[in-house]
Amino acid sequence: MIYQQSLAIPQGIRQDVADVMKRNATTIHWPQLDISYIFEVWNRYMTREPEDIKCAGCRTKVIGKMKRIVAIWESKKETV
């Protein structure tokens, strides 16, 4: 299900999304630009109800799901 949704994210930015996720894989406090980018992608392509970047639960949800999406893309060789 989440994979099908993730296909709405344009092929041209999937590698950028993957790079941001990898760069912050072990980071607790993400740089503002990176978290803003991930939320922009999420809110634009993945949901009808935008998530609030200031909400800790929303951040956990978006980051967790984007990690899963990137792992799926990589297993299917869709980030390059």
C-alpha atoms as a PDB file:
ATOM      1  CA  MET A   1       0.000   0.000   0.000  1.00  0.00           C
ATOM      2  CA  ILE A   2       2.629   2.558   0.999  1.00  0.00           C
ATOM      3  CA  TYR A   3       4.671   1.555  -2.053  1.00  0.00           C
ATOM      4  CA  GLN A   4       1.759   2.338  -4.367  1.00  0.00           C
ATOM      5  CA  GLN A   5       1.334   5.728  -2.676  1.00  0.00           C
ATOM      6  CA  SER A   6       5.053   6.421  -2.999  1.00  0.00           C
ATOM      7  CA  LEU A   7       4.816   6.196  -6.779  1.00  0.00           C
ATOM      8  CA  ALA A   8       3.200   9.653  -6.649  1.00  0.00           C
ATOM      9  CA  ILE A   9       6.624  11.026  -5.685  1.00  0.00           C
ATOM     10  CA  PRO A  10       8.286  11.998  -8.973  1.00  0.00           C
ATOM     11  CA  GLN A  11      11.107   9.740 -10.124  1.00  0.00           C
ATOM     12  CA  GLY A  12      13.317  12.819 -10.493  1.00  0.00           C
ATOM     13  CA  ILE A  13      13.377  13.553  -6.756  1.00  0.00           C
ATOM     14  CA  ARG A  14      13.429  10.017  -5.329  1.00  0.00           C
ATOM     15  CA  GLN A  15      17.219   9.942  -5.149  1.00  0.00           C
ATOM     16  CA  ASP A  16      17.210  13.290  -3.314  1.00  0.00           C
ATOM     17  CA  VAL A  17      14.693  11.905  -0.809  1.00  0.00           C
ATOM     18  CA  ALA A  18      16.815   8.776  -0.360  1.00  0.00           C
ATOM     19  CA  ASP A  19      19.951  10.886   0.144  1.00  0.00           C
ATOM     20  CA  VAL A  20      18.280  12.991   2.857  1.00  0.00           C
ATOM     21  CA  MET A  21      17.024   9.876   4.632  1.00  0.00           C
ATOM     22  CA  LYS A  22      20.452   8.203   4.507  1.00  0.00           C
ATOM     23  CA  ARG A  23      22.258  11.354   5.634  1.00  0.00           C
ATOM     24  CA  ASN A  24      20.034  11.513   8.716  1.00  0.00           C
ATOM     25  CA  ALA A  25      19.695   7.775   9.391  1.00  0.00           C
ATOM     26  CA  THR A  26      21.415   7.993  12.780  1.00  0.00           C
ATOM     27  CA  THR A  27      20.592  11.607  13.573  1.00  0.00           C
ATOM     28  CA  ILE A  28      18.298  12.570  16.421  1.00  0.00           C
ATOM     29  CA  HIS A  29      18.099  16.273  15.553  1.00  0.00           C
ATOM     30  CA  TRP A  30      17.742  16.737  11.804  1.00  0.00           C
ATOM     31  CA  PRO A  31      18.958  19.908  10.084  1.00  0.00           C
ATOM     32  CA  GLN A  32      15.963  22.187   9.461  1.00  0.00           C
ATOM     33  CA  LEU A  33      16.435  22.117   5.682  1.00  0.00           C
ATOM     34  CA  ASP A  34      16.319  18.314   5.579  1.00  0.00           C
ATOM     35  CA  ILE A  35      13.238  17.924   7.774  1.00  0.00           C
ATOM     36  CA  SER A  36      11.482  20.705   5.852  1.00  0.00           C
ATOM     37  CA  TYR A  37      12.269  18.968   2.561  1.00  0.00           C
ATOM     38  CA  ILE A  38      10.942  15.591   3.748  1.00  0.00           C
ATOM     39  CA  PHE A  39       7.740  17.218   5.032  1.00  0.00           C
ATOM     40  CA  GLU A  40       7.313  19.152   1.787  1.00  0.00           C
ATOM     41  CA  VAL A  41       7.576  15.922  -0.220  1.00  0.00           C
ATOM     42  CA  TRP A  42       5.278  14.066   2.191  1.00  0.00           C
ATOM     43  CA  ASN A  43       2.628  16.767   2.277  1.00  0.00           C
ATOM     44  CA  ARG A  44       2.722  17.350  -1.469  1.00  0.00           C
ATOM     45  CA  TYR A  45       2.679  13.757  -2.714  1.00  0.00           C
ATOM     46  CA  MET A  46       1.776  11.343   0.079  1.00  0.00           C
ATOM     47  CA  THR A  47      -1.245  12.716   1.947  1.00  0.00           C
ATOM     48  CA  ARG A  48      -4.400  14.755   1.613  1.00  0.00           C
ATOM     49  CA  GLU A  49      -4.171  15.960   5.217  1.00  0.00           C
ATOM     50  CA  PRO A  50      -0.843  17.774   5.670  1.00  0.00           C
ATOM     51  CA  GLU A  51       1.244  16.732   8.665  1.00  0.00           C
ATOM     52  CA  ASP A  52       2.452  19.415  11.076  1.00  0.00           C
ATOM     53  CA  ILE A  53       6.242  19.690  11.124  1.00  0.00           C
ATOM     54  CA  LYS A  54       6.091  21.036  14.704  1.00  0.00           C
ATOM     55  CA  CYS A  55       4.281  17.936  16.015  1.00  0.00           C
ATOM     56  CA  ALA A  56       6.707  15.334  17.435  1.00  0.00           C
ATOM     57  CA  GLY A  57       4.335  12.455  16.649  1.00  0.00           C
ATOM     58  CA  CYS A  58       3.924  13.694  13.080  1.00  0.00           C
ATOM     59  CA  ARG A  59       7.701  13.900  12.664  1.00  0.00           C
ATOM     60  CA  THR A  60       8.083  10.326  13.939  1.00  0.00           C
ATOM     61  CA  LYS A  61       5.345   9.107  11.574  1.00  0.00           C
ATOM     62  CA  VAL A  62       6.651  10.887   8.469  1.00  0.00           C
ATOM     63  CA  ILE A  63      10.295   9.935   9.047  1.00  0.00           C
ATOM     64  CA  GLY A  64       9.398   6.312   9.809  1.00  0.00           C
ATOM     65  CA  LYS A  65       7.247   5.938   6.721  1.00  0.00           C
ATOM     66  CA  MET A  66       9.771   7.689   4.488  1.00  0.00           C
ATOM     67  CA  LYS A  67      12.482   5.308   5.755  1.00  0.00           C
ATOM     68  CA  ARG A  68      10.251   2.400   4.753  1.00  0.00           C
ATOM     69  CA  ILE A  69       9.553   3.927   1.352  1.00  0.00           C
ATOM     70  CA  VAL A  70      13.254   4.482   0.624  1.00  0.00           C
ATOM     71  CA  ALA A  71      14.044   0.885   1.636  1.00  0.00           C
ATOM     72  CA  ILE A  72      11.341  -0.360  -0.747  1.00  0.00           C
ATOM     73  CA  TRP A  73      12.611   1.859  -3.572  1.00  0.00           C
ATOM     74  CA  GLU A  74      16.142   0.620  -3.048  1.00  0.00           C
ATOM     75  CA  SER A  75      15.033  -3.007  -3.058  1.00  0.00           C
ATOM     76  CA  LYS A  76      13.291  -2.309  -6.364  1.00  0.00           C
ATOM     77  CA  LYS A  77      16.171  -0.153  -7.697  1.00  0.00           C
ATOM     78  CA  GLU A  78      13.903   2.882  -8.096  1.00  0.00           C
ATOM     79  CA  THR A  79      16.061   5.655  -6.680  1.00  0.00           C
ATOM     80  CA  VAL A  80      18.500   5.902  -9.578  1.00  0.00           C
END
